[in-house]
């Protein structure tokens, strides 16, 4: 039986990945410190996984892990726009040193492959749309705390590639583009919009509403991960994972009005130190492997809305 390690396995993407890996009958070890939401998601797996509680920054915690691991999925990181601005030092520390520690640990194990979770943020302010994997990686302004995350992911990619070559293992890197879905946390635009609807809060939108994103539903993102990690011929490469469905942030409002069943009157507030105004990935590379996103924004938003509405009715 294949044994895999998932760092950050109690997080949003991590826990959904674990569910899929369980379906493939893998033996799974989760390594996490419960930073975002504790270990509630892991409890859903009952006794099907091994949970090792620890911090990727603590080299001694890595020693708690078994050495007979076949493959590592490294997703442990501090994410969420709020954190980029509030604790940029912690974002850099966890995401960069944590990745260093992961690769150093792998060098003393039986692992033959590593998957590294990167982000569309590495493109900074891209100049080509849709944006291909060949676009130059940029840190637009080192004084802007927002880019603590993107710079940590750029470094994470460089660390992964060079350490993997050094120790003789394969790597796969995914640049996720705005992955969303039920129970994704509360620091992102979609759960914030849904909360304002459900709780009747003032509907303030950061920015002009003309900014665009390409939202990728969680199940489609996980399908992409499994595609690029399962195929031997696709190892040692970088892939965008997302959709080519570009939408204005302001155009999420009428979709939410339809789902929510009442009028929303948004007000717009200039967003200083913001990220790129436009984001849409070129996914032609991963589509050649058979990748085809199935959940478009209206369906995915409805699924997410229903989950958060139920959550807020109890909390």
C-alpha atoms as a PDB file:
ATOM      1  CA  UNK A   1       0.000   0.000   0.000  1.00  0.00           C
ATOM      2  CA  UNK A   2       1.307   3.434  -0.947  1.00  0.00           C
ATOM      3  CA  UNK A   3       2.064   5.628   2.075  1.00  0.00           C
ATOM      4  CA  UNK A   4       1.871   9.402   1.649  1.00  0.00           C
ATOM      5  CA  UNK A   5       2.451  12.410   3.866  1.00  0.00           C
ATOM      6  CA  UNK A   6       0.165  15.445   3.558  1.00  0.00           C
ATOM      7  CA  UNK A   7       1.481  18.517   5.353  1.00  0.00           C
ATOM      8  CA  UNK A   8      -1.329  20.955   6.075  1.00  0.00           C
ATOM      9  CA  UNK A   9      -3.758  18.061   5.781  1.00  0.00           C
ATOM     10  CA  UNK A  10      -6.287  19.633   8.140  1.00  0.00           C
ATOM     11  CA  UNK A  11      -6.619  22.728   5.940  1.00  0.00           C
ATOM     12  CA  UNK A  12      -9.097  23.419   3.154  1.00  0.00           C
ATOM     13  CA  UNK A  13      -7.252  22.051   0.138  1.00  0.00           C
ATOM     14  CA  UNK A  14      -5.313  19.541   2.240  1.00  0.00           C
ATOM     15  CA  UNK A  15      -8.350  17.867   3.796  1.00  0.00           C
ATOM     16  CA  UNK A  16     -10.115  17.605   0.439  1.00  0.00           C
ATOM     17  CA  UNK A  17      -6.986  16.059  -1.035  1.00  0.00           C
ATOM     18  CA  UNK A  18      -6.877  13.537   1.831  1.00  0.00           C
ATOM     19  CA  UNK A  19     -10.464  12.472   1.070  1.00  0.00           C
ATOM     20  CA  UNK A  20      -9.521  11.706  -2.528  1.00  0.00           C
ATOM     21  CA  UNK A  21      -6.347   9.884  -1.548  1.00  0.00           C
ATOM     22  CA  UNK A  22      -8.375   7.724   0.838  1.00  0.00           C
ATOM     23  CA  UNK A  23     -10.580   6.738  -2.095  1.00  0.00           C
ATOM     24  CA  UNK A  24      -7.403   5.541  -3.830  1.00  0.00           C
ATOM     25  CA  UNK A  25      -6.696   3.327  -0.790  1.00  0.00           C
ATOM     26  CA  UNK A  26      -3.514   5.174   0.186  1.00  0.00           C
ATOM     27  CA  UNK A  27      -2.188   5.023   3.718  1.00  0.00           C
ATOM     28  CA  UNK A  28      -2.066   8.643   4.842  1.00  0.00           C
ATOM     29  CA  UNK A  29      -0.097  10.558   7.442  1.00  0.00           C
ATOM     30  CA  UNK A  30      -1.187  14.150   8.152  1.00  0.00           C
ATOM     31  CA  UNK A  31       1.285  16.641   9.614  1.00  0.00           C
ATOM     32  CA  UNK A  32      -0.339  19.846  10.853  1.00  0.00           C
ATOM     33  CA  UNK A  33      -0.430  22.319  13.739  1.00  0.00           C
ATOM     34  CA  UNK A  34      -4.111  23.248  13.336  1.00  0.00           C
ATOM     35  CA  UNK A  35      -3.293  26.926  12.741  1.00  0.00           C
ATOM     36  CA  UNK A  36      -6.388  27.814  10.710  1.00  0.00           C
ATOM     37  CA  UNK A  37      -9.267  25.840  12.213  1.00  0.00           C
ATOM     38  CA  UNK A  38      -7.870  23.206  14.519  1.00  0.00           C
ATOM     39  CA  UNK A  39      -8.277  19.549  13.641  1.00  0.00           C
ATOM     40  CA  UNK A  40     -12.011  19.334  13.034  1.00  0.00           C
ATOM     41  CA  UNK A  41     -11.628  18.229   9.428  1.00  0.00           C
ATOM     42  CA  UNK A  42      -9.220  15.460  10.421  1.00  0.00           C
ATOM     43  CA  UNK A  43     -11.708  14.086  12.932  1.00  0.00           C
ATOM     44  CA  UNK A  44     -14.033  13.349  10.009  1.00  0.00           C
ATOM     45  CA  UNK A  45     -11.550  10.726   8.820  1.00  0.00           C
ATOM     46  CA  UNK A  46     -11.928   8.783  12.081  1.00  0.00           C
ATOM     47  CA  UNK A  47      -9.166   6.163  12.258  1.00  0.00           C
ATOM     48  CA  UNK A  48      -8.458   6.130   8.528  1.00  0.00           C
ATOM     49  CA  UNK A  49      -5.440   8.458   8.777  1.00  0.00           C
ATOM     50  CA  UNK A  50      -2.515   8.979  11.125  1.00  0.00           C
ATOM     51  CA  UNK A  51      -2.371  12.510  12.531  1.00  0.00           C
ATOM     52  CA  UNK A  52       0.959  13.857  13.720  1.00  0.00           C
ATOM     53  CA  UNK A  53       0.513  17.211  15.438  1.00  0.00           C
ATOM     54  CA  UNK A  54       3.484  19.449  14.867  1.00  0.00           C
ATOM     55  CA  UNK A  55       4.846  22.644  13.361  1.00  0.00           C
ATOM     56  CA  UNK A  56       6.753  22.649  10.073  1.00  0.00           C
ATOM     57  CA  UNK A  57       9.058  25.269  11.623  1.00  0.00           C
ATOM     58  CA  UNK A  58      10.141  22.908  14.385  1.00  0.00           C
ATOM     59  CA  UNK A  59      12.753  20.510  13.062  1.00  0.00           C
ATOM     60  CA  UNK A  60      12.192  18.258  16.088  1.00  0.00           C
ATOM     61  CA  UNK A  61       8.515  17.827  15.134  1.00  0.00           C
ATOM     62  CA  UNK A  62       9.578  16.453  11.765  1.00  0.00           C
ATOM     63  CA  UNK A  63      11.374  13.670  13.624  1.00  0.00           C
ATOM     64  CA  UNK A  64       7.971  12.420  14.853  1.00  0.00           C
ATOM     65  CA  UNK A  65       7.123  11.354  11.306  1.00  0.00           C
ATOM     66  CA  UNK A  66       7.735   7.868   9.897  1.00  0.00           C
ATOM     67  CA  UNK A  67      10.556   7.528   7.370  1.00  0.00           C
ATOM     68  CA  UNK A  68       8.828   4.958   5.160  1.00  0.00           C
ATOM     69  CA  UNK A  69       6.893   7.557   3.160  1.00  0.00           C
ATOM     70  CA  UNK A  70       6.567   7.063  -0.606  1.00  0.00           C
ATOM     71  CA  UNK A  71       5.314  10.529  -1.549  1.00  0.00           C
ATOM     72  CA  UNK A  72       4.913  13.956   0.077  1.00  0.00           C
ATOM     73  CA  UNK A  73       2.196  16.522  -0.615  1.00  0.00           C
ATOM     74  CA  UNK A  74       3.475  19.763   0.908  1.00  0.00           C
ATOM     75  CA  UNK A  75       0.545  22.115   1.447  1.00  0.00           C
ATOM     76  CA  UNK A  76       1.370  23.493   4.909  1.00  0.00           C
ATOM     77  CA  UNK A  77       1.456  27.290   4.700  1.00  0.00           C
ATOM     78  CA  UNK A  78      -0.133  30.416   6.111  1.00  0.00           C
ATOM     79  CA  UNK A  79      -2.658  31.610   3.538  1.00  0.00           C
ATOM     80  CA  UNK A  80      -5.472  34.173   3.569  1.00  0.00           C
ATOM     81  CA  UNK A  81      -5.204  37.816   2.512  1.00  0.00           C
ATOM     82  CA  UNK A  82      -5.811  39.030   6.069  1.00  0.00           C
ATOM     83  CA  UNK A  83      -2.636  37.277   7.205  1.00  0.00           C
ATOM     84  CA  UNK A  84      -0.544  38.704   4.366  1.00  0.00           C
ATOM     85  CA  UNK A  85      -1.130  42.167   5.788  1.00  0.00           C
ATOM     86  CA  UNK A  86      -1.352  41.403   9.512  1.00  0.00           C
ATOM     87  CA  UNK A  87       1.503  38.925  10.021  1.00  0.00           C
ATOM     88  CA  UNK A  88       3.753  39.024   6.938  1.00  0.00           C
ATOM     89  CA  UNK A  89       6.759  37.934   9.004  1.00  0.00           C
ATOM     90  CA  UNK A  90       4.956  34.768  10.116  1.00  0.00           C
ATOM     91  CA  UNK A  91       3.776  34.093   6.554  1.00  0.00           C
ATOM     92  CA  UNK A  92       7.362  34.240   5.288  1.00  0.00           C
ATOM     93  CA  UNK A  93       8.719  32.209   8.166  1.00  0.00           C
ATOM     94  CA  UNK A  94       6.205  29.370   7.934  1.00  0.00           C
ATOM     95  CA  UNK A  95       6.106  29.166   4.160  1.00  0.00           C
ATOM     96  CA  UNK A  96       9.827  29.459   3.418  1.00  0.00           C
ATOM     97  CA  UNK A  97      11.525  27.796   6.387  1.00  0.00           C
ATOM     98  CA  UNK A  98       8.745  25.200   6.559  1.00  0.00           C
ATOM     99  CA  UNK A  99       9.495  24.203   2.973  1.00  0.00           C
ATOM    100  CA  UNK A 100      13.240  24.087   3.691  1.00  0.00           C
ATOM    101  CA  UNK A 101      12.557  21.779   6.625  1.00  0.00           C
ATOM    102  CA  UNK A 102      10.294  19.577   4.515  1.00  0.00           C
ATOM    103  CA  UNK A 103      12.931  18.984   1.831  1.00  0.00           C
ATOM    104  CA  UNK A 104      15.678  18.435   4.408  1.00  0.00           C
ATOM    105  CA  UNK A 105      13.496  15.839   6.113  1.00  0.00           C
ATOM    106  CA  UNK A 106      12.702  14.103   2.809  1.00  0.00           C
ATOM    107  CA  UNK A 107      16.424  13.646   2.140  1.00  0.00           C
ATOM    108  CA  UNK A 108      16.499  11.181   5.059  1.00  0.00           C
ATOM    109  CA  UNK A 109      13.424   9.179   4.055  1.00  0.00           C
ATOM    110  CA  UNK A 110      12.327   6.758   1.345  1.00  0.00           C
ATOM    111  CA  UNK A 111      10.156   9.375  -0.396  1.00  0.00           C
ATOM    112  CA  UNK A 112      10.559   9.509  -4.167  1.00  0.00           C
ATOM    113  CA  UNK A 113       8.222  12.406  -5.032  1.00  0.00           C
ATOM    114  CA  UNK A 114       7.092  15.753  -3.656  1.00  0.00           C
ATOM    115  CA  UNK A 115       4.134  17.908  -4.634  1.00  0.00           C
ATOM    116  CA  UNK A 116       4.430  21.604  -3.772  1.00  0.00           C
ATOM    117  CA  UNK A 117       1.352  23.815  -3.528  1.00  0.00           C
ATOM    118  CA  UNK A 118       2.137  27.182  -5.080  1.00  0.00           C
ATOM    119  CA  UNK A 119      -0.152  30.035  -6.088  1.00  0.00           C
ATOM    120  CA  UNK A 120      -1.211  32.361  -8.884  1.00  0.00           C
ATOM    121  CA  UNK A 121       0.126  35.132  -6.645  1.00  0.00           C
ATOM    122  CA  UNK A 122       3.651  34.322  -7.886  1.00  0.00           C
ATOM    123  CA  UNK A 123       2.863  36.142 -11.145  1.00  0.00           C
ATOM    124  CA  UNK A 124       2.535  39.476  -9.345  1.00  0.00           C
ATOM    125  CA  UNK A 125       0.968  41.766 -11.938  1.00  0.00           C
ATOM    126  CA  UNK A 126       1.034  39.508 -15.018  1.00  0.00           C
ATOM    127  CA  UNK A 127       1.348  40.995 -18.485  1.00  0.00           C
ATOM    128  CA  UNK A 128      -0.057  38.095 -20.525  1.00  0.00           C
ATOM    129  CA  UNK A 129      -3.704  36.934 -20.328  1.00  0.00           C
ATOM    130  CA  UNK A 130      -4.561  34.132 -19.986  1.00  0.00           C
ATOM    131  CA  UNK A 131      -1.336  33.776 -18.022  1.00  0.00           C
ATOM    132  CA  UNK A 132       0.869  30.777 -18.922  1.00  0.00           C
ATOM    133  CA  UNK A 133       3.327  28.983 -16.667  1.00  0.00           C
ATOM    134  CA  UNK A 134       6.163  30.651 -18.607  1.00  0.00           C
ATOM    135  CA  UNK A 135       5.206  34.125 -17.340  1.00  0.00           C
ATOM    136  CA  UNK A 136       8.001  35.715 -15.297  1.00  0.00           C
ATOM    137  CA  UNK A 137       7.533  35.548 -11.531  1.00  0.00           C
ATOM    138  CA  UNK A 138       7.515  38.955  -9.877  1.00  0.00           C
ATOM    139  CA  UNK A 139       7.482  40.684  -6.509  1.00  0.00           C
ATOM    140  CA  UNK A 140       5.998  44.056  -7.537  1.00  0.00           C
ATOM    141  CA  UNK A 141       6.769  45.913  -4.309  1.00  0.00           C
ATOM    142  CA  UNK A 142       8.794  44.478  -1.396  1.00  0.00           C
ATOM    143  CA  UNK A 143       7.416  47.263   0.835  1.00  0.00           C
ATOM    144  CA  UNK A 144       3.853  45.987   0.352  1.00  0.00           C
ATOM    145  CA  UNK A 145       3.050  43.375   3.001  1.00  0.00           C
ATOM    146  CA  UNK A 146       0.652  41.648   0.620  1.00  0.00           C
ATOM    147  CA  UNK A 147       3.557  40.232  -1.343  1.00  0.00           C
ATOM    148  CA  UNK A 148       4.884  38.370   1.684  1.00  0.00           C
ATOM    149  CA  UNK A 149       2.800  35.416   0.504  1.00  0.00           C
ATOM    150  CA  UNK A 150       3.706  35.545  -3.180  1.00  0.00           C
ATOM    151  CA  UNK A 151       7.415  35.910  -2.418  1.00  0.00           C
ATOM    152  CA  UNK A 152       7.210  32.954  -0.014  1.00  0.00           C
ATOM    153  CA  UNK A 153       5.657  30.829  -2.773  1.00  0.00           C
ATOM    154  CA  UNK A 154       8.293  31.904  -5.300  1.00  0.00           C
ATOM    155  CA  UNK A 155      10.958  30.851  -2.818  1.00  0.00           C
ATOM    156  CA  UNK A 156       9.067  27.637  -2.140  1.00  0.00           C
ATOM    157  CA  UNK A 157       9.156  26.731  -5.823  1.00  0.00           C
ATOM    158  CA  UNK A 158      12.883  27.464  -6.058  1.00  0.00           C
ATOM    159  CA  UNK A 159      13.590  25.439  -2.902  1.00  0.00           C
ATOM    160  CA  UNK A 160      11.507  22.500  -4.129  1.00  0.00           C
ATOM    161  CA  UNK A 161      13.088  22.357  -7.586  1.00  0.00           C
ATOM    162  CA  UNK A 162      16.684  22.675  -6.427  1.00  0.00           C
ATOM    163  CA  UNK A 163      16.459  20.379  -3.403  1.00  0.00           C
ATOM    164  CA  UNK A 164      14.581  17.761  -5.444  1.00  0.00           C
ATOM    165  CA  UNK A 165      17.352  17.767  -8.042  1.00  0.00           C
ATOM    166  CA  UNK A 166      20.001  17.584  -5.330  1.00  0.00           C
ATOM    167  CA  UNK A 167      18.526  14.599  -3.503  1.00  0.00           C
ATOM    168  CA  UNK A 168      17.307  12.823  -6.646  1.00  0.00           C
ATOM    169  CA  UNK A 169      13.518  12.864  -6.283  1.00  0.00           C
ATOM    170  CA  UNK A 170      10.724  13.963  -8.612  1.00  0.00           C
ATOM    171  CA  UNK A 171       8.643  17.076  -8.006  1.00  0.00           C
ATOM    172  CA  UNK A 172       5.329  18.514  -9.179  1.00  0.00           C
ATOM    173  CA  UNK A 173       4.294  22.132  -8.614  1.00  0.00           C
ATOM    174  CA  UNK A 174       0.746  23.476  -8.918  1.00  0.00           C
ATOM    175  CA  UNK A 175      -0.058  27.170  -9.085  1.00  0.00           C
ATOM    176  CA  UNK A 176      -3.588  27.263  -7.683  1.00  0.00           C
ATOM    177  CA  UNK A 177      -5.883  30.028  -8.930  1.00  0.00           C
ATOM    178  CA  UNK A 178      -8.516  31.188  -6.412  1.00  0.00           C
ATOM    179  CA  UNK A 179      -9.680  27.806  -5.155  1.00  0.00           C
ATOM    180  CA  UNK A 180     -12.980  28.019  -3.254  1.00  0.00           C
ATOM    181  CA  UNK A 181     -15.773  25.896  -1.851  1.00  0.00           C
ATOM    182  CA  UNK A 182     -17.559  24.882   1.361  1.00  0.00           C
ATOM    183  CA  UNK A 183     -15.642  25.308   4.619  1.00  0.00           C
ATOM    184  CA  UNK A 184     -12.745  27.155   2.977  1.00  0.00           C
ATOM    185  CA  UNK A 185     -12.273  29.555   5.873  1.00  0.00           C
ATOM    186  CA  UNK A 186     -13.416  33.118   6.302  1.00  0.00           C
ATOM    187  CA  UNK A 187     -10.582  35.313   5.018  1.00  0.00           C
ATOM    188  CA  UNK A 188     -11.437  35.205   1.297  1.00  0.00           C
ATOM    189  CA  UNK A 189     -13.777  37.156  -0.958  1.00  0.00           C
ATOM    190  CA  UNK A 190     -16.450  34.475  -1.531  1.00  0.00           C
ATOM    191  CA  UNK A 191     -17.038  33.520   2.139  1.00  0.00           C
ATOM    192  CA  UNK A 192     -16.942  37.234   3.075  1.00  0.00           C
ATOM    193  CA  UNK A 193     -19.600  38.064   0.476  1.00  0.00           C
ATOM    194  CA  UNK A 194     -21.765  35.147   1.622  1.00  0.00           C
ATOM    195  CA  UNK A 195     -21.442  36.172   5.283  1.00  0.00           C
ATOM    196  CA  UNK A 196     -22.590  39.704   4.472  1.00  0.00           C
ATOM    197  CA  UNK A 197     -25.631  38.311   2.645  1.00  0.00           C
ATOM    198  CA  UNK A 198     -26.636  35.826   5.324  1.00  0.00           C
ATOM    199  CA  UNK A 199     -26.078  38.162   8.266  1.00  0.00           C
ATOM    200  CA  UNK A 200     -27.415  41.288   6.584  1.00  0.00           C
ATOM    201  CA  UNK A 201     -24.166  43.186   7.058  1.00  0.00           C
ATOM    202  CA  UNK A 202     -23.231  46.296   5.124  1.00  0.00           C
ATOM    203  CA  UNK A 203     -22.034  45.047   1.748  1.00  0.00           C
ATOM    204  CA  UNK A 204     -18.688  46.789   1.374  1.00  0.00           C
ATOM    205  CA  UNK A 205     -16.541  45.684  -1.558  1.00  0.00           C
ATOM    206  CA  UNK A 206     -12.818  46.333  -1.537  1.00  0.00           C
ATOM    207  CA  UNK A 207     -11.840  47.743  -4.922  1.00  0.00           C
ATOM    208  CA  UNK A 208     -13.905  49.021  -7.836  1.00  0.00           C
ATOM    209  CA  UNK A 209     -15.635  45.736  -8.652  1.00  0.00           C
ATOM    210  CA  UNK A 210     -13.936  45.677 -12.058  1.00  0.00           C
ATOM    211  CA  UNK A 211     -11.139  43.430 -10.823  1.00  0.00           C
ATOM    212  CA  UNK A 212     -11.363  39.943 -12.310  1.00  0.00           C
ATOM    213  CA  UNK A 213     -10.594  36.486 -11.001  1.00  0.00           C
ATOM    214  CA  UNK A 214     -11.029  32.918 -12.240  1.00  0.00           C
ATOM    215  CA  UNK A 215     -12.475  30.915  -9.377  1.00  0.00           C
ATOM    216  CA  UNK A 216     -11.740  27.193  -9.244  1.00  0.00           C
ATOM    217  CA  UNK A 217     -14.060  24.901  -7.277  1.00  0.00           C
ATOM    218  CA  UNK A 218     -12.266  22.665  -4.805  1.00  0.00           C
ATOM    219  CA  UNK A 219     -13.163  19.335  -6.454  1.00  0.00           C
ATOM    220  CA  UNK A 220     -11.746  20.539  -9.769  1.00  0.00           C
ATOM    221  CA  UNK A 221      -8.552  21.685  -8.036  1.00  0.00           C
ATOM    222  CA  UNK A 222      -8.081  18.267  -6.433  1.00  0.00           C
ATOM    223  CA  UNK A 223      -8.653  16.535  -9.781  1.00  0.00           C
ATOM    224  CA  UNK A 224      -5.836  18.684 -11.148  1.00  0.00           C
ATOM    225  CA  UNK A 225      -3.473  17.724  -8.336  1.00  0.00           C
ATOM    226  CA  UNK A 226      -4.055  14.011  -8.875  1.00  0.00           C
ATOM    227  CA  UNK A 227      -3.522  14.346 -12.612  1.00  0.00           C
ATOM    228  CA  UNK A 228      -0.122  15.991 -12.352  1.00  0.00           C
ATOM    229  CA  UNK A 229       1.124  13.751  -9.551  1.00  0.00           C
ATOM    230  CA  UNK A 230      -0.072  10.410 -10.929  1.00  0.00           C
ATOM    231  CA  UNK A 231       1.518  10.631 -14.368  1.00  0.00           C
ATOM    232  CA  UNK A 232       5.224   9.767 -14.358  1.00  0.00           C
ATOM    233  CA  UNK A 233       5.865  11.619 -17.617  1.00  0.00           C
ATOM    234  CA  UNK A 234       4.517  14.820 -16.089  1.00  0.00           C
ATOM    235  CA  UNK A 235       6.956  14.916 -13.174  1.00  0.00           C
ATOM    236  CA  UNK A 236       9.412  17.771 -12.654  1.00  0.00           C
ATOM    237  CA  UNK A 237       7.046  20.325 -14.155  1.00  0.00           C
ATOM    238  CA  UNK A 238       4.901  23.289 -13.113  1.00  0.00           C
ATOM    239  CA  UNK A 239       1.185  23.552 -13.869  1.00  0.00           C
ATOM    240  CA  UNK A 240      -1.516  26.173 -13.488  1.00  0.00           C
ATOM    241  CA  UNK A 241      -4.608  24.731 -11.828  1.00  0.00           C
ATOM    242  CA  UNK A 242      -7.777  26.769 -12.227  1.00  0.00           C
ATOM    243  CA  UNK A 243     -10.450  27.581 -14.784  1.00  0.00           C
ATOM    244  CA  UNK A 244     -10.599  29.821 -17.823  1.00  0.00           C
ATOM    245  CA  UNK A 245     -13.897  31.298 -16.609  1.00  0.00           C
ATOM    246  CA  UNK A 246     -12.948  34.926 -15.874  1.00  0.00           C
ATOM    247  CA  UNK A 247     -15.431  37.005 -13.864  1.00  0.00           C
ATOM    248  CA  UNK A 248     -15.553  40.549 -12.531  1.00  0.00           C
ATOM    249  CA  UNK A 249     -15.764  40.703  -8.749  1.00  0.00           C
ATOM    250  CA  UNK A 250     -18.731  43.031  -9.176  1.00  0.00           C
ATOM    251  CA  UNK A 251     -20.492  40.388 -11.268  1.00  0.00           C
ATOM    252  CA  UNK A 252     -20.530  38.029  -8.310  1.00  0.00           C
ATOM    253  CA  UNK A 253     -23.187  40.324  -6.813  1.00  0.00           C
ATOM    254  CA  UNK A 254     -26.095  39.496  -9.199  1.00  0.00           C
ATOM    255  CA  UNK A 255     -25.283  35.793  -8.931  1.00  0.00           C
ATOM    256  CA  UNK A 256     -25.453  36.058  -5.143  1.00  0.00           C
ATOM    257  CA  UNK A 257     -28.697  38.058  -5.365  1.00  0.00           C
ATOM    258  CA  UNK A 258     -30.269  35.210  -7.309  1.00  0.00           C
ATOM    259  CA  UNK A 259     -29.050  32.614  -4.800  1.00  0.00           C
ATOM    260  CA  UNK A 260     -29.842  34.726  -1.734  1.00  0.00           C
ATOM    261  CA  UNK A 261     -33.243  35.775  -3.029  1.00  0.00           C
ATOM    262  CA  UNK A 262     -32.986  39.485  -2.289  1.00  0.00           C
ATOM    263  CA  UNK A 263     -31.365  42.665  -3.556  1.00  0.00           C
ATOM    264  CA  UNK A 264     -27.811  43.538  -2.544  1.00  0.00           C
ATOM    265  CA  UNK A 265     -26.721  47.173  -2.501  1.00  0.00           C
ATOM    266  CA  UNK A 266     -22.937  47.158  -2.508  1.00  0.00           C
ATOM    267  CA  UNK A 267     -20.685  50.108  -1.829  1.00  0.00           C
ATOM    268  CA  UNK A 268     -17.152  50.190  -3.144  1.00  0.00           C
ATOM    269  CA  UNK A 269     -14.038  51.218  -1.277  1.00  0.00           C
ATOM    270  CA  UNK A 270     -10.627  51.807  -2.869  1.00  0.00           C
ATOM    271  CA  UNK A 271      -8.284  49.014  -1.895  1.00  0.00           C
ATOM    272  CA  UNK A 272      -4.783  50.254  -1.263  1.00  0.00           C
ATOM    273  CA  UNK A 273      -1.781  47.938  -1.574  1.00  0.00           C
ATOM    274  CA  UNK A 274      -3.922  45.522  -3.563  1.00  0.00           C
ATOM    275  CA  UNK A 275      -2.938  42.671  -5.843  1.00  0.00           C
ATOM    276  CA  UNK A 276      -3.358  42.411  -9.596  1.00  0.00           C
ATOM    277  CA  UNK A 277      -6.560  43.781 -11.134  1.00  0.00           C
ATOM    278  CA  UNK A 278      -6.867  40.860 -13.512  1.00  0.00           C
ATOM    279  CA  UNK A 279      -6.263  37.132 -13.104  1.00  0.00           C
ATOM    280  CA  UNK A 280      -7.013  34.314 -15.509  1.00  0.00           C
ATOM    281  CA  UNK A 281      -4.758  31.292 -15.999  1.00  0.00           C
ATOM    282  CA  UNK A 282      -3.775  29.605 -19.211  1.00  0.00           C
ATOM    283  CA  UNK A 283      -4.684  25.994 -18.416  1.00  0.00           C
ATOM    284  CA  UNK A 284      -3.887  24.531 -21.835  1.00  0.00           C
ATOM    285  CA  UNK A 285      -0.908  22.615 -20.434  1.00  0.00           C
ATOM    286  CA  UNK A 286      -2.877  20.660 -17.827  1.00  0.00           C
ATOM    287  CA  UNK A 287      -5.845  20.236 -20.175  1.00  0.00           C
ATOM    288  CA  UNK A 288      -3.585  18.089 -22.377  1.00  0.00           C
ATOM    289  CA  UNK A 289      -3.591  15.581 -19.493  1.00  0.00           C
ATOM    290  CA  UNK A 290      -7.390  15.420 -19.579  1.00  0.00           C
ATOM    291  CA  UNK A 291      -8.109  18.154 -17.034  1.00  0.00           C
ATOM    292  CA  UNK A 292     -11.545  19.687 -17.512  1.00  0.00           C
ATOM    293  CA  UNK A 293     -13.124  21.831 -14.762  1.00  0.00           C
ATOM    294  CA  UNK A 294     -16.692  20.688 -14.141  1.00  0.00           C
ATOM    295  CA  UNK A 295     -18.107  23.188 -11.617  1.00  0.00           C
ATOM    296  CA  UNK A 296     -18.673  26.677 -13.020  1.00  0.00           C
ATOM    297  CA  UNK A 297     -19.048  29.720 -10.786  1.00  0.00           C
ATOM    298  CA  UNK A 298     -22.856  29.791 -10.495  1.00  0.00           C
ATOM    299  CA  UNK A 299     -23.072  26.177  -9.349  1.00  0.00           C
ATOM    300  CA  UNK A 300     -20.008  26.424  -7.109  1.00  0.00           C
ATOM    301  CA  UNK A 301     -21.231  29.636  -5.513  1.00  0.00           C
ATOM    302  CA  UNK A 302     -24.594  28.028  -4.742  1.00  0.00           C
ATOM    303  CA  UNK A 303     -22.932  25.011  -3.107  1.00  0.00           C
ATOM    304  CA  UNK A 304     -20.681  27.315  -1.063  1.00  0.00           C
ATOM    305  CA  UNK A 305     -23.567  29.615  -0.118  1.00  0.00           C
ATOM    306  CA  UNK A 306     -25.648  26.708   1.193  1.00  0.00           C
ATOM    307  CA  UNK A 307     -22.778  25.455   3.345  1.00  0.00           C
ATOM    308  CA  UNK A 308     -22.003  28.860   4.866  1.00  0.00           C
ATOM    309  CA  UNK A 309     -25.670  29.692   5.391  1.00  0.00           C
ATOM    310  CA  UNK A 310     -26.052  26.495   7.386  1.00  0.00           C
ATOM    311  CA  UNK A 311     -22.854  27.272   9.317  1.00  0.00           C
ATOM    312  CA  UNK A 312     -23.996  30.778  10.250  1.00  0.00           C
ATOM    313  CA  UNK A 313     -27.415  29.502  11.328  1.00  0.00           C
ATOM    314  CA  UNK A 314     -25.597  27.554  14.062  1.00  0.00           C
ATOM    315  CA  UNK A 315     -22.860  30.017  14.969  1.00  0.00           C
END
